[in-house]
């Protein structure tokens, strides 16, 4: 992005491309390309199983610009977390314009080093809400190999560990951002706060929160934003298929994106400069 001190990004979340007809897919790609952006950020649930790599290959071959991704829970269906991540890492090392943020440290998006991008898949980690009394039964536990032989107690420990690992990876990335950076964009799939977990205009309750919020990532973001009051943090997430904005503190805001199966769209155009990050909603 040579010569730029401001950046325009296309933000997409939860496209679920395995549900998308070819004509709809092509129209979506043409729409992304028409905006003349400096890159695309996709915050997870690209597809399912082996088709994740197929869809990423199609995206990389169809868009002549950087594509920054994190993975969502659906991306691990019919496989395991480890196997899917390794396939995606292998692909991104073959495709120069495809960047798996979970596998990377911070990326500076402008020549002055004032706008940074980091990303982490995240995982709903059972640290928020009432796990023991929740009535929610996710397909994740049936369709992702890692969970298939666990009881409820084992699953809670596993979810907690996945959230902890996500928070620790994100901590390293945030700490790798140069002090001169003024704007930090954080891409993740799972909402990091109950206040950012939206459904039909309302935020989550104790029944849903264990499976829709990554509380440990949220705590890390608050900690880091408090420590770096000179930086502004803009978080992009999805997962719920409903949109909303949560202003957690003066320098920490979370945008949750919407999605409809079979109709991938552009959630927003992001206009980032050293002074601010502005959103132009498209969906």
C-alpha atoms as a PDB file:
ATOM      1  CA  UNK A   1       0.000   0.000   0.000  1.00  0.00           C
ATOM      2  CA  UNK A   2       2.833   2.298  -0.956  1.00  0.00           C
ATOM      3  CA  UNK A   3       2.417   6.026  -0.452  1.00  0.00           C
ATOM      4  CA  UNK A   4      -0.772   5.806   1.607  1.00  0.00           C
ATOM      5  CA  UNK A   5      -1.456   7.429   4.952  1.00  0.00           C
ATOM      6  CA  UNK A   6      -5.129   6.389   4.851  1.00  0.00           C
ATOM      7  CA  UNK A   7      -6.653   3.001   4.099  1.00  0.00           C
ATOM      8  CA  UNK A   8      -9.952   1.742   2.729  1.00  0.00           C
ATOM      9  CA  UNK A   9     -11.008  -1.798   3.557  1.00  0.00           C
ATOM     10  CA  UNK A  10     -13.985  -3.921   2.565  1.00  0.00           C
ATOM     11  CA  UNK A  11     -15.372  -5.774   5.571  1.00  0.00           C
ATOM     12  CA  UNK A  12     -17.239  -9.065   5.091  1.00  0.00           C
ATOM     13  CA  UNK A  13     -18.402 -11.434   7.802  1.00  0.00           C
ATOM     14  CA  UNK A  14     -20.000 -14.890   7.847  1.00  0.00           C
ATOM     15  CA  UNK A  15     -20.384 -15.269   4.048  1.00  0.00           C
ATOM     16  CA  UNK A  16     -21.027 -19.057   4.338  1.00  0.00           C
ATOM     17  CA  UNK A  17     -20.003 -19.531   0.723  1.00  0.00           C
ATOM     18  CA  UNK A  18     -21.010 -23.204   0.718  1.00  0.00           C
ATOM     19  CA  UNK A  19     -24.626 -21.941   0.695  1.00  0.00           C
ATOM     20  CA  UNK A  20     -24.055 -19.528  -2.193  1.00  0.00           C
ATOM     21  CA  UNK A  21     -25.102 -20.023  -5.820  1.00  0.00           C
ATOM     22  CA  UNK A  22     -22.507 -19.271  -8.508  1.00  0.00           C
ATOM     23  CA  UNK A  23     -24.298 -16.206  -9.898  1.00  0.00           C
ATOM     24  CA  UNK A  24     -24.644 -14.713  -6.413  1.00  0.00           C
ATOM     25  CA  UNK A  25     -20.979 -15.444  -5.671  1.00  0.00           C
ATOM     26  CA  UNK A  26     -19.855 -13.712  -8.864  1.00  0.00           C
ATOM     27  CA  UNK A  27     -21.989 -10.634  -8.186  1.00  0.00           C
ATOM     28  CA  UNK A  28     -20.531 -10.432  -4.685  1.00  0.00           C
ATOM     29  CA  UNK A  29     -16.959 -10.641  -5.997  1.00  0.00           C
ATOM     30  CA  UNK A  30     -17.647  -7.942  -8.576  1.00  0.00           C
ATOM     31  CA  UNK A  31     -19.097  -5.713  -5.868  1.00  0.00           C
ATOM     32  CA  UNK A  32     -15.980  -6.102  -3.714  1.00  0.00           C
ATOM     33  CA  UNK A  33     -13.688  -5.326  -6.646  1.00  0.00           C
ATOM     34  CA  UNK A  34     -15.719  -2.266  -7.684  1.00  0.00           C
ATOM     35  CA  UNK A  35     -14.996  -0.371  -4.470  1.00  0.00           C
ATOM     36  CA  UNK A  36     -11.304   0.079  -5.244  1.00  0.00           C
ATOM     37  CA  UNK A  37     -10.328  -0.740  -1.681  1.00  0.00           C
ATOM     38  CA  UNK A  38      -6.847  -1.467  -0.361  1.00  0.00           C
ATOM     39  CA  UNK A  39      -7.872  -4.840   1.062  1.00  0.00           C
ATOM     40  CA  UNK A  40     -10.655  -7.121   2.255  1.00  0.00           C
ATOM     41  CA  UNK A  41     -11.186  -8.288   5.857  1.00  0.00           C
ATOM     42  CA  UNK A  42     -13.295 -11.431   6.365  1.00  0.00           C
ATOM     43  CA  UNK A  43     -14.215 -12.225   9.968  1.00  0.00           C
ATOM     44  CA  UNK A  44     -14.887 -15.944   9.735  1.00  0.00           C
ATOM     45  CA  UNK A  45     -17.431 -18.587   8.722  1.00  0.00           C
ATOM     46  CA  UNK A  46     -16.163 -18.631   5.150  1.00  0.00           C
ATOM     47  CA  UNK A  47     -17.475 -22.151   4.487  1.00  0.00           C
ATOM     48  CA  UNK A  48     -17.224 -25.629   6.034  1.00  0.00           C
ATOM     49  CA  UNK A  49     -14.607 -28.404   6.077  1.00  0.00           C
ATOM     50  CA  UNK A  50     -12.491 -28.947   2.968  1.00  0.00           C
ATOM     51  CA  UNK A  51     -14.518 -26.323   1.106  1.00  0.00           C
ATOM     52  CA  UNK A  52     -12.878 -23.581   3.194  1.00  0.00           C
ATOM     53  CA  UNK A  53      -9.629 -24.024   1.277  1.00  0.00           C
ATOM     54  CA  UNK A  54     -11.500 -24.249  -2.042  1.00  0.00           C
ATOM     55  CA  UNK A  55     -13.314 -20.980  -1.373  1.00  0.00           C
ATOM     56  CA  UNK A  56     -10.151 -19.230  -0.220  1.00  0.00           C
ATOM     57  CA  UNK A  57      -8.412 -20.318  -3.417  1.00  0.00           C
ATOM     58  CA  UNK A  58     -11.292 -18.884  -5.443  1.00  0.00           C
ATOM     59  CA  UNK A  59     -11.150 -15.613  -3.521  1.00  0.00           C
ATOM     60  CA  UNK A  60      -7.395 -15.266  -3.892  1.00  0.00           C
ATOM     61  CA  UNK A  61      -7.615 -15.919  -7.616  1.00  0.00           C
ATOM     62  CA  UNK A  62     -10.557 -13.576  -8.185  1.00  0.00           C
ATOM     63  CA  UNK A  63      -9.509 -10.507  -6.185  1.00  0.00           C
ATOM     64  CA  UNK A  64      -6.336  -8.613  -6.998  1.00  0.00           C
ATOM     65  CA  UNK A  65      -5.864  -7.177  -3.528  1.00  0.00           C
ATOM     66  CA  UNK A  66      -4.865  -8.385  -0.041  1.00  0.00           C
ATOM     67  CA  UNK A  67      -7.408 -10.618   1.688  1.00  0.00           C
ATOM     68  CA  UNK A  68      -7.140 -10.731   5.483  1.00  0.00           C
ATOM     69  CA  UNK A  69      -9.049 -13.540   7.195  1.00  0.00           C
ATOM     70  CA  UNK A  70      -9.819 -15.190  10.490  1.00  0.00           C
ATOM     71  CA  UNK A  71     -11.755 -18.445  10.751  1.00  0.00           C
ATOM     72  CA  UNK A  72     -15.106 -19.076  12.432  1.00  0.00           C
ATOM     73  CA  UNK A  73     -16.600 -22.140  14.078  1.00  0.00           C
ATOM     74  CA  UNK A  74     -18.317 -23.319  10.864  1.00  0.00           C
ATOM     75  CA  UNK A  75     -14.971 -23.392   9.089  1.00  0.00           C
ATOM     76  CA  UNK A  76     -13.958 -26.340  11.305  1.00  0.00           C
ATOM     77  CA  UNK A  77     -17.082 -28.443  10.641  1.00  0.00           C
ATOM     78  CA  UNK A  78     -16.472 -31.976   9.334  1.00  0.00           C
ATOM     79  CA  UNK A  79     -12.822 -31.660  10.393  1.00  0.00           C
ATOM     80  CA  UNK A  80     -10.772 -30.592  13.403  1.00  0.00           C
ATOM     81  CA  UNK A  81      -9.537 -27.181  14.512  1.00  0.00           C
ATOM     82  CA  UNK A  82      -5.891 -28.141  14.075  1.00  0.00           C
ATOM     83  CA  UNK A  83      -6.250 -29.757  10.650  1.00  0.00           C
ATOM     84  CA  UNK A  84      -8.257 -26.869   9.226  1.00  0.00           C
ATOM     85  CA  UNK A  85      -5.860 -24.244  10.528  1.00  0.00           C
ATOM     86  CA  UNK A  86      -2.893 -26.115   9.056  1.00  0.00           C
ATOM     87  CA  UNK A  87      -4.561 -26.388   5.644  1.00  0.00           C
ATOM     88  CA  UNK A  88      -5.286 -22.675   5.658  1.00  0.00           C
ATOM     89  CA  UNK A  89      -1.758 -21.792   6.810  1.00  0.00           C
ATOM     90  CA  UNK A  90      -0.309 -23.941   4.017  1.00  0.00           C
ATOM     91  CA  UNK A  91      -2.525 -22.219   1.448  1.00  0.00           C
ATOM     92  CA  UNK A  92      -1.691 -18.696   2.641  1.00  0.00           C
ATOM     93  CA  UNK A  93       1.998 -19.420   2.257  1.00  0.00           C
ATOM     94  CA  UNK A  94       1.346 -20.286  -1.382  1.00  0.00           C
ATOM     95  CA  UNK A  95      -0.941 -17.320  -2.119  1.00  0.00           C
ATOM     96  CA  UNK A  96       0.762 -13.954  -1.703  1.00  0.00           C
ATOM     97  CA  UNK A  97      -2.486 -11.981  -1.359  1.00  0.00           C
ATOM     98  CA  UNK A  98      -4.064 -14.247   1.279  1.00  0.00           C
ATOM     99  CA  UNK A  99      -3.276 -13.523   4.938  1.00  0.00           C
ATOM    100  CA  UNK A 100      -4.511 -15.673   7.836  1.00  0.00           C
ATOM    101  CA  UNK A 101      -4.325 -13.214  10.716  1.00  0.00           C
ATOM    102  CA  UNK A 102      -4.381 -15.883  13.424  1.00  0.00           C
ATOM    103  CA  UNK A 103      -1.035 -17.072  12.049  1.00  0.00           C
ATOM    104  CA  UNK A 104       0.506 -13.592  11.835  1.00  0.00           C
ATOM    105  CA  UNK A 105       1.732 -10.783  14.046  1.00  0.00           C
ATOM    106  CA  UNK A 106       0.577  -7.198  13.515  1.00  0.00           C
ATOM    107  CA  UNK A 107       0.336  -5.794   9.987  1.00  0.00           C
ATOM    108  CA  UNK A 108       0.893  -2.086   9.270  1.00  0.00           C
ATOM    109  CA  UNK A 109      -1.542  -0.944   6.609  1.00  0.00           C
ATOM    110  CA  UNK A 110      -0.020   2.451   5.753  1.00  0.00           C
ATOM    111  CA  UNK A 111       3.477   3.711   5.026  1.00  0.00           C
ATOM    112  CA  UNK A 112       3.658   5.848   8.153  1.00  0.00           C
ATOM    113  CA  UNK A 113       2.937   2.913  10.467  1.00  0.00           C
ATOM    114  CA  UNK A 114      -0.055   4.660  11.996  1.00  0.00           C
ATOM    115  CA  UNK A 115      -2.755   2.055  11.198  1.00  0.00           C
ATOM    116  CA  UNK A 116      -2.288  -1.535  12.370  1.00  0.00           C
ATOM    117  CA  UNK A 117      -4.324  -4.695  11.772  1.00  0.00           C
ATOM    118  CA  UNK A 118      -4.314  -7.806  13.956  1.00  0.00           C
ATOM    119  CA  UNK A 119      -6.620 -10.803  14.024  1.00  0.00           C
ATOM    120  CA  UNK A 120      -7.514 -13.946  15.931  1.00  0.00           C
ATOM    121  CA  UNK A 121     -10.209 -16.571  15.350  1.00  0.00           C
ATOM    122  CA  UNK A 122     -11.446 -16.461  18.934  1.00  0.00           C
ATOM    123  CA  UNK A 123     -13.712 -19.069  20.487  1.00  0.00           C
ATOM    124  CA  UNK A 124     -16.844 -18.884  22.615  1.00  0.00           C
ATOM    125  CA  UNK A 125     -15.159 -19.875  25.857  1.00  0.00           C
ATOM    126  CA  UNK A 126     -17.926 -20.471  28.449  1.00  0.00           C
ATOM    127  CA  UNK A 127     -16.557 -17.731  30.704  1.00  0.00           C
ATOM    128  CA  UNK A 128     -19.626 -15.491  30.320  1.00  0.00           C
ATOM    129  CA  UNK A 129     -23.206 -16.369  31.179  1.00  0.00           C
ATOM    130  CA  UNK A 130     -24.454 -19.546  32.895  1.00  0.00           C
ATOM    131  CA  UNK A 131     -22.839 -22.550  31.214  1.00  0.00           C
ATOM    132  CA  UNK A 132     -24.157 -25.190  33.623  1.00  0.00           C
ATOM    133  CA  UNK A 133     -27.814 -24.202  33.225  1.00  0.00           C
ATOM    134  CA  UNK A 134     -27.768 -23.207  29.569  1.00  0.00           C
ATOM    135  CA  UNK A 135     -30.203 -25.027  27.274  1.00  0.00           C
ATOM    136  CA  UNK A 136     -28.172 -24.300  24.127  1.00  0.00           C
ATOM    137  CA  UNK A 137     -26.954 -27.282  22.067  1.00  0.00           C
ATOM    138  CA  UNK A 138     -24.580 -26.302  19.269  1.00  0.00           C
ATOM    139  CA  UNK A 139     -23.830 -28.213  16.076  1.00  0.00           C
ATOM    140  CA  UNK A 140     -20.173 -27.408  16.841  1.00  0.00           C
ATOM    141  CA  UNK A 141     -20.049 -30.213  19.379  1.00  0.00           C
ATOM    142  CA  UNK A 142     -21.402 -32.742  16.914  1.00  0.00           C
ATOM    143  CA  UNK A 143     -19.610 -31.624  13.747  1.00  0.00           C
ATOM    144  CA  UNK A 144     -16.133 -30.596  14.973  1.00  0.00           C
ATOM    145  CA  UNK A 145     -13.959 -33.600  15.743  1.00  0.00           C
ATOM    146  CA  UNK A 146     -12.318 -32.006  18.804  1.00  0.00           C
ATOM    147  CA  UNK A 147     -15.576 -32.038  20.805  1.00  0.00           C
ATOM    148  CA  UNK A 148     -17.285 -35.233  19.727  1.00  0.00           C
ATOM    149  CA  UNK A 149     -16.277 -37.457  22.654  1.00  0.00           C
ATOM    150  CA  UNK A 150     -16.531 -34.930  25.489  1.00  0.00           C
ATOM    151  CA  UNK A 151     -19.105 -34.619  28.245  1.00  0.00           C
ATOM    152  CA  UNK A 152     -20.347 -31.212  29.434  1.00  0.00           C
ATOM    153  CA  UNK A 153     -17.646 -30.757  32.075  1.00  0.00           C
ATOM    154  CA  UNK A 154     -14.829 -31.709  29.706  1.00  0.00           C
ATOM    155  CA  UNK A 155     -16.288 -29.450  27.033  1.00  0.00           C
ATOM    156  CA  UNK A 156     -16.334 -26.470  29.394  1.00  0.00           C
ATOM    157  CA  UNK A 157     -12.648 -26.952  30.180  1.00  0.00           C
ATOM    158  CA  UNK A 158     -11.900 -27.315  26.471  1.00  0.00           C
ATOM    159  CA  UNK A 159     -13.805 -24.135  25.572  1.00  0.00           C
ATOM    160  CA  UNK A 160     -12.030 -22.245  28.335  1.00  0.00           C
ATOM    161  CA  UNK A 161      -8.652 -23.441  27.031  1.00  0.00           C
ATOM    162  CA  UNK A 162      -9.470 -22.409  23.443  1.00  0.00           C
ATOM    163  CA  UNK A 163     -10.461 -18.933  24.640  1.00  0.00           C
ATOM    164  CA  UNK A 164      -7.310 -18.675  26.720  1.00  0.00           C
ATOM    165  CA  UNK A 165      -5.148 -19.654  23.742  1.00  0.00           C
ATOM    166  CA  UNK A 166      -6.879 -17.061  21.568  1.00  0.00           C
ATOM    167  CA  UNK A 167      -6.314 -14.355  24.177  1.00  0.00           C
ATOM    168  CA  UNK A 168      -2.641 -15.243  24.570  1.00  0.00           C
ATOM    169  CA  UNK A 169      -2.022 -15.183  20.802  1.00  0.00           C
ATOM    170  CA  UNK A 170      -3.818 -11.847  20.552  1.00  0.00           C
ATOM    171  CA  UNK A 171      -1.815 -10.452  23.464  1.00  0.00           C
ATOM    172  CA  UNK A 172       1.436 -11.123  21.583  1.00  0.00           C
ATOM    173  CA  UNK A 173       0.072  -9.454  18.452  1.00  0.00           C
ATOM    174  CA  UNK A 174      -1.118  -6.353  20.285  1.00  0.00           C
ATOM    175  CA  UNK A 175       2.213  -6.044  22.025  1.00  0.00           C
ATOM    176  CA  UNK A 176       3.997  -6.304  18.658  1.00  0.00           C
ATOM    177  CA  UNK A 177       2.292  -3.150  17.360  1.00  0.00           C
ATOM    178  CA  UNK A 178       4.769  -0.243  17.152  1.00  0.00           C
ATOM    179  CA  UNK A 179       4.113   2.489  19.734  1.00  0.00           C
ATOM    180  CA  UNK A 180       3.684   5.059  16.944  1.00  0.00           C
ATOM    181  CA  UNK A 181       0.516   3.388  15.661  1.00  0.00           C
ATOM    182  CA  UNK A 182      -2.611   5.402  16.443  1.00  0.00           C
ATOM    183  CA  UNK A 183      -5.395   3.168  15.107  1.00  0.00           C
ATOM    184  CA  UNK A 184      -5.597  -0.577  15.746  1.00  0.00           C
ATOM    185  CA  UNK A 185      -8.139  -2.714  13.894  1.00  0.00           C
ATOM    186  CA  UNK A 186      -8.805  -6.102  15.503  1.00  0.00           C
ATOM    187  CA  UNK A 187     -10.536  -8.791  13.415  1.00  0.00           C
ATOM    188  CA  UNK A 188     -12.096 -11.756  15.211  1.00  0.00           C
ATOM    189  CA  UNK A 189     -15.051 -14.065  14.691  1.00  0.00           C
ATOM    190  CA  UNK A 190     -16.577 -14.377  18.163  1.00  0.00           C
ATOM    191  CA  UNK A 191     -17.944 -11.260  19.908  1.00  0.00           C
ATOM    192  CA  UNK A 192     -15.569 -10.496  22.804  1.00  0.00           C
ATOM    193  CA  UNK A 193     -18.224  -8.949  25.080  1.00  0.00           C
ATOM    194  CA  UNK A 194     -21.827  -9.666  25.982  1.00  0.00           C
ATOM    195  CA  UNK A 195     -22.470  -6.046  24.977  1.00  0.00           C
ATOM    196  CA  UNK A 196     -21.269  -6.837  21.443  1.00  0.00           C
ATOM    197  CA  UNK A 197     -23.214 -10.093  21.013  1.00  0.00           C
ATOM    198  CA  UNK A 198     -26.316  -8.902  19.145  1.00  0.00           C
ATOM    199  CA  UNK A 199     -29.521 -10.630  18.065  1.00  0.00           C
ATOM    200  CA  UNK A 200     -32.487  -8.722  16.645  1.00  0.00           C
ATOM    201  CA  UNK A 201     -31.360  -5.459  18.231  1.00  0.00           C
ATOM    202  CA  UNK A 202     -30.731  -6.898  21.699  1.00  0.00           C
ATOM    203  CA  UNK A 203     -27.585  -8.198  23.368  1.00  0.00           C
ATOM    204  CA  UNK A 204     -27.133 -11.720  24.702  1.00  0.00           C
ATOM    205  CA  UNK A 205     -28.420 -13.238  27.920  1.00  0.00           C
ATOM    206  CA  UNK A 206     -26.874 -15.767  30.320  1.00  0.00           C
ATOM    207  CA  UNK A 207     -28.339 -18.694  28.368  1.00  0.00           C
ATOM    208  CA  UNK A 208     -26.571 -17.864  25.080  1.00  0.00           C
ATOM    209  CA  UNK A 209     -23.446 -16.046  26.273  1.00  0.00           C
ATOM    210  CA  UNK A 210     -21.335 -19.152  27.091  1.00  0.00           C
ATOM    211  CA  UNK A 211     -21.503 -20.186  23.422  1.00  0.00           C
ATOM    212  CA  UNK A 212     -21.441 -16.789  21.721  1.00  0.00           C
ATOM    213  CA  UNK A 213     -18.877 -14.676  23.622  1.00  0.00           C
ATOM    214  CA  UNK A 214     -15.105 -15.011  24.021  1.00  0.00           C
ATOM    215  CA  UNK A 215     -14.805 -13.443  27.445  1.00  0.00           C
ATOM    216  CA  UNK A 216     -11.050 -13.902  27.782  1.00  0.00           C
ATOM    217  CA  UNK A 217     -10.397 -11.966  24.571  1.00  0.00           C
ATOM    218  CA  UNK A 218     -12.724  -9.259  25.878  1.00  0.00           C
ATOM    219  CA  UNK A 219     -10.798  -8.955  29.142  1.00  0.00           C
ATOM    220  CA  UNK A 220      -7.532  -8.726  27.237  1.00  0.00           C
ATOM    221  CA  UNK A 221      -8.885  -5.977  24.982  1.00  0.00           C
ATOM    222  CA  UNK A 222     -10.022  -3.903  27.961  1.00  0.00           C
ATOM    223  CA  UNK A 223      -6.677  -4.403  29.679  1.00  0.00           C
ATOM    224  CA  UNK A 224      -4.714  -3.412  26.590  1.00  0.00           C
ATOM    225  CA  UNK A 225      -6.926  -0.445  25.708  1.00  0.00           C
ATOM    226  CA  UNK A 226      -6.567   0.870  29.275  1.00  0.00           C
ATOM    227  CA  UNK A 227      -2.808   0.504  29.078  1.00  0.00           C
ATOM    228  CA  UNK A 228      -2.579   2.167  25.653  1.00  0.00           C
ATOM    229  CA  UNK A 229      -4.846   5.165  26.066  1.00  0.00           C
ATOM    230  CA  UNK A 230      -2.973   6.849  23.194  1.00  0.00           C
ATOM    231  CA  UNK A 231      -4.249   4.225  20.732  1.00  0.00           C
ATOM    232  CA  UNK A 232      -7.793   3.616  19.485  1.00  0.00           C
ATOM    233  CA  UNK A 233      -9.031   0.037  19.084  1.00  0.00           C
ATOM    234  CA  UNK A 234     -11.732  -0.919  16.589  1.00  0.00           C
ATOM    235  CA  UNK A 235     -12.908  -4.529  16.790  1.00  0.00           C
ATOM    236  CA  UNK A 236     -14.697  -6.308  13.916  1.00  0.00           C
ATOM    237  CA  UNK A 237     -16.596  -9.529  14.658  1.00  0.00           C
ATOM    238  CA  UNK A 238     -19.489 -11.646  13.427  1.00  0.00           C
ATOM    239  CA  UNK A 239     -20.917 -15.040  14.464  1.00  0.00           C
ATOM    240  CA  UNK A 240     -24.422 -13.900  15.486  1.00  0.00           C
ATOM    241  CA  UNK A 241     -25.605 -12.854  11.974  1.00  0.00           C
ATOM    242  CA  UNK A 242     -27.027  -9.658  13.528  1.00  0.00           C
ATOM    243  CA  UNK A 243     -25.379  -6.256  13.661  1.00  0.00           C
ATOM    244  CA  UNK A 244     -24.742  -3.764  16.412  1.00  0.00           C
ATOM    245  CA  UNK A 245     -22.186  -1.412  17.924  1.00  0.00           C
ATOM    246  CA  UNK A 246     -20.778  -1.614  21.452  1.00  0.00           C
ATOM    247  CA  UNK A 247     -18.715   1.283  22.809  1.00  0.00           C
ATOM    248  CA  UNK A 248     -16.790  -0.347  25.621  1.00  0.00           C
ATOM    249  CA  UNK A 249     -14.588   2.649  26.484  1.00  0.00           C
ATOM    250  CA  UNK A 250     -13.390   5.914  24.971  1.00  0.00           C
ATOM    251  CA  UNK A 251     -10.791   4.058  22.880  1.00  0.00           C
ATOM    252  CA  UNK A 252     -12.453   0.647  22.389  1.00  0.00           C
ATOM    253  CA  UNK A 253     -15.460   0.034  20.122  1.00  0.00           C
ATOM    254  CA  UNK A 254     -16.802  -3.247  18.724  1.00  0.00           C
ATOM    255  CA  UNK A 255     -18.715  -3.557  15.450  1.00  0.00           C
ATOM    256  CA  UNK A 256     -20.658  -6.794  15.031  1.00  0.00           C
ATOM    257  CA  UNK A 257     -21.662  -7.648  11.469  1.00  0.00           C
ATOM    258  CA  UNK A 258     -24.818  -9.193  10.021  1.00  0.00           C
ATOM    259  CA  UNK A 259     -25.178 -12.063   7.560  1.00  0.00           C
ATOM    260  CA  UNK A 260     -27.801 -14.061   5.651  1.00  0.00           C
ATOM    261  CA  UNK A 261     -27.189 -17.617   4.451  1.00  0.00           C
ATOM    262  CA  UNK A 262     -26.863 -17.765   0.676  1.00  0.00           C
ATOM    263  CA  UNK A 263     -26.494 -13.988   0.313  1.00  0.00           C
ATOM    264  CA  UNK A 264     -22.882 -12.921   1.026  1.00  0.00           C
ATOM    265  CA  UNK A 265     -22.591  -9.157   1.183  1.00  0.00           C
ATOM    266  CA  UNK A 266     -20.294  -6.302   2.100  1.00  0.00           C
ATOM    267  CA  UNK A 267     -20.978  -5.403   5.715  1.00  0.00           C
ATOM    268  CA  UNK A 268     -19.173  -2.061   5.569  1.00  0.00           C
ATOM    269  CA  UNK A 269     -16.514   0.016   3.913  1.00  0.00           C
ATOM    270  CA  UNK A 270     -13.913   0.981   6.484  1.00  0.00           C
ATOM    271  CA  UNK A 271     -12.087   4.301   6.039  1.00  0.00           C
ATOM    272  CA  UNK A 272      -9.072   4.403   8.344  1.00  0.00           C
ATOM    273  CA  UNK A 273      -6.633   7.219   8.967  1.00  0.00           C
ATOM    274  CA  UNK A 274      -4.358   8.176  11.838  1.00  0.00           C
ATOM    275  CA  UNK A 275      -7.188  10.272  13.277  1.00  0.00           C
ATOM    276  CA  UNK A 276     -10.078   7.824  13.172  1.00  0.00           C
ATOM    277  CA  UNK A 277     -11.747   4.728  11.718  1.00  0.00           C
ATOM    278  CA  UNK A 278     -15.048   5.475   9.971  1.00  0.00           C
ATOM    279  CA  UNK A 279     -17.685   2.979   8.852  1.00  0.00           C
ATOM    280  CA  UNK A 280     -19.905   3.167   5.804  1.00  0.00           C
ATOM    281  CA  UNK A 281     -22.476   0.404   6.246  1.00  0.00           C
ATOM    282  CA  UNK A 282     -23.335  -1.459   3.053  1.00  0.00           C
ATOM    283  CA  UNK A 283     -25.432  -4.450   4.154  1.00  0.00           C
END
